[in-house]
Amino acid sequence: MKLNIAIKTDKETYQPGEMAKVTITTTDREGKPIDTRLSVAIVDEALTYLYDIIKEPIPYYYNKVLSSVNNYTNMKLLYQTLRVFVAGGEK
């Protein structure tokens, strides 16, 4: 069975965040309306350009951010200094 699909939008282009009104009409070979189940995906055109620059843009923008806490101390130096002082020695 051949299925004719016509897609019509209320505007030629949309700005980010704008609502899009999409009308989809499906007809059979003779032009009679036919009940169908369809799926539609709308993608920002800018994302298609990213695929040329960044081959995997999704991990690029949603990568894990590592964090760490470093602890630095001079306790070893302080201990050696106190040991010399308590022992009554001089350097």
Protein backbone atom coordinates (compact mmCIF):
# COMPACT_ATOMS: atom_id res chain seq x y z
CA MET A 1 0.00 0.00 0.00
CA LYS A 2 1.36 3.38 -0.98
CA LEU A 3 0.88 6.10 1.61
CA ASN A 4 0.96 9.81 0.74
CA ILE A 5 2.10 12.05 3.59
CA ALA A 6 1.70 15.84 3.51
CA ILE A 7 3.30 17.93 6.24
CA LYS A 8 2.33 21.58 6.72
CA THR A 9 3.59 24.05 9.34
CA ASP A 10 2.12 27.38 10.32
CA LYS A 11 5.46 29.15 9.69
CA GLU A 12 8.50 28.71 7.44
CA THR A 13 11.04 28.99 10.29
CA TYR A 14 10.92 29.14 14.08
CA GLN A 15 13.01 30.80 16.76
CA PRO A 16 14.31 28.76 19.72
CA GLY A 17 11.53 28.13 22.22
CA GLU A 18 8.69 28.92 19.82
CA MET A 19 5.79 26.50 19.55
CA ALA A 20 5.38 24.85 16.16
CA LYS A 21 2.00 23.88 14.76
CA VAL A 22 2.38 20.92 12.43
CA THR A 23 -0.46 19.43 10.40
CA ILE A 24 0.09 15.98 8.92
CA THR A 25 -2.31 14.58 6.36
CA THR A 26 -2.14 10.99 5.16
CA THR A 27 -3.98 9.68 2.14
CA ASP A 28 -4.04 6.51 0.13
CA ARG A 29 -3.22 6.18 -3.57
CA GLU A 30 -6.59 7.59 -4.55
CA GLY A 31 -6.28 10.62 -2.25
CA LYS A 32 -8.71 9.33 0.37
CA PRO A 33 -7.79 10.07 3.99
CA ILE A 34 -6.33 7.12 5.82
CA ASP A 35 -5.86 6.61 9.57
CA THR A 36 -2.18 6.24 10.47
CA ARG A 37 0.19 6.37 13.41
CA LEU A 38 3.25 8.55 12.77
CA SER A 39 6.19 9.91 14.70
CA VAL A 40 7.72 13.33 14.12
CA ALA A 41 11.08 14.64 15.32
CA ILE A 42 12.09 18.29 15.10
CA VAL A 43 15.78 19.18 15.36
CA ASP A 44 17.45 22.57 15.65
CA GLU A 45 19.42 23.10 12.44
CA ALA A 46 22.40 24.34 14.47
CA LEU A 47 22.82 20.83 15.88
CA THR A 48 23.32 19.42 12.40
CA TYR A 49 26.29 21.76 11.90
CA LEU A 50 27.83 20.53 15.16
CA TYR A 51 28.04 17.01 13.77
CA ASP A 52 30.49 18.30 11.16
CA ILE A 53 32.65 19.99 13.81
CA ILE A 54 32.22 17.65 16.78
CA LYS A 55 31.61 14.07 15.69
CA GLU A 56 29.86 13.19 18.98
CA PRO A 57 28.21 16.41 20.28
CA ILE A 58 25.97 14.80 22.91
CA PRO A 59 28.84 13.53 25.13
CA TYR A 60 30.64 16.83 24.45
CA TYR A 61 27.84 18.83 26.10
CA TYR A 62 26.76 16.26 28.66
CA ASN A 63 30.11 14.91 29.80
CA LYS A 64 30.92 14.06 33.37
CA VAL A 65 32.60 16.81 35.33
CA LEU A 66 35.17 15.43 37.70
CA SER A 67 35.79 17.09 41.01
CA SER A 68 38.40 16.46 43.62
CA VAL A 69 39.54 17.76 46.96
CA ASN A 70 43.25 17.98 47.59
CA ASN A 71 44.73 18.39 51.01
CA TYR A 72 48.20 19.82 51.40
CA THR A 73 49.98 20.06 54.69
CA ASN A 74 53.35 20.99 56.07
CA MET A 75 52.92 18.75 59.14
CA LYS A 76 56.03 16.71 58.29
CA LEU A 77 58.17 19.83 58.24
CA LEU A 78 56.52 21.12 61.43
CA TYR A 79 57.11 17.77 63.17
CA GLN A 80 60.80 17.75 62.26
CA THR A 81 61.21 21.33 63.50
CA LEU A 82 59.47 20.60 66.81
CA ARG A 83 61.52 17.43 67.32
CA VAL A 84 64.75 19.41 67.00
CA PHE A 85 63.43 22.13 69.34
CA VAL A 86 62.23 19.69 72.01
CA ALA A 87 65.48 17.69 71.87
CA GLY A 88 67.39 20.90 72.46
CA GLY A 89 69.30 20.54 69.27
CA GLU A 90 70.23 23.20 66.79
CA LYS A 91 70.39 23.19 63.06
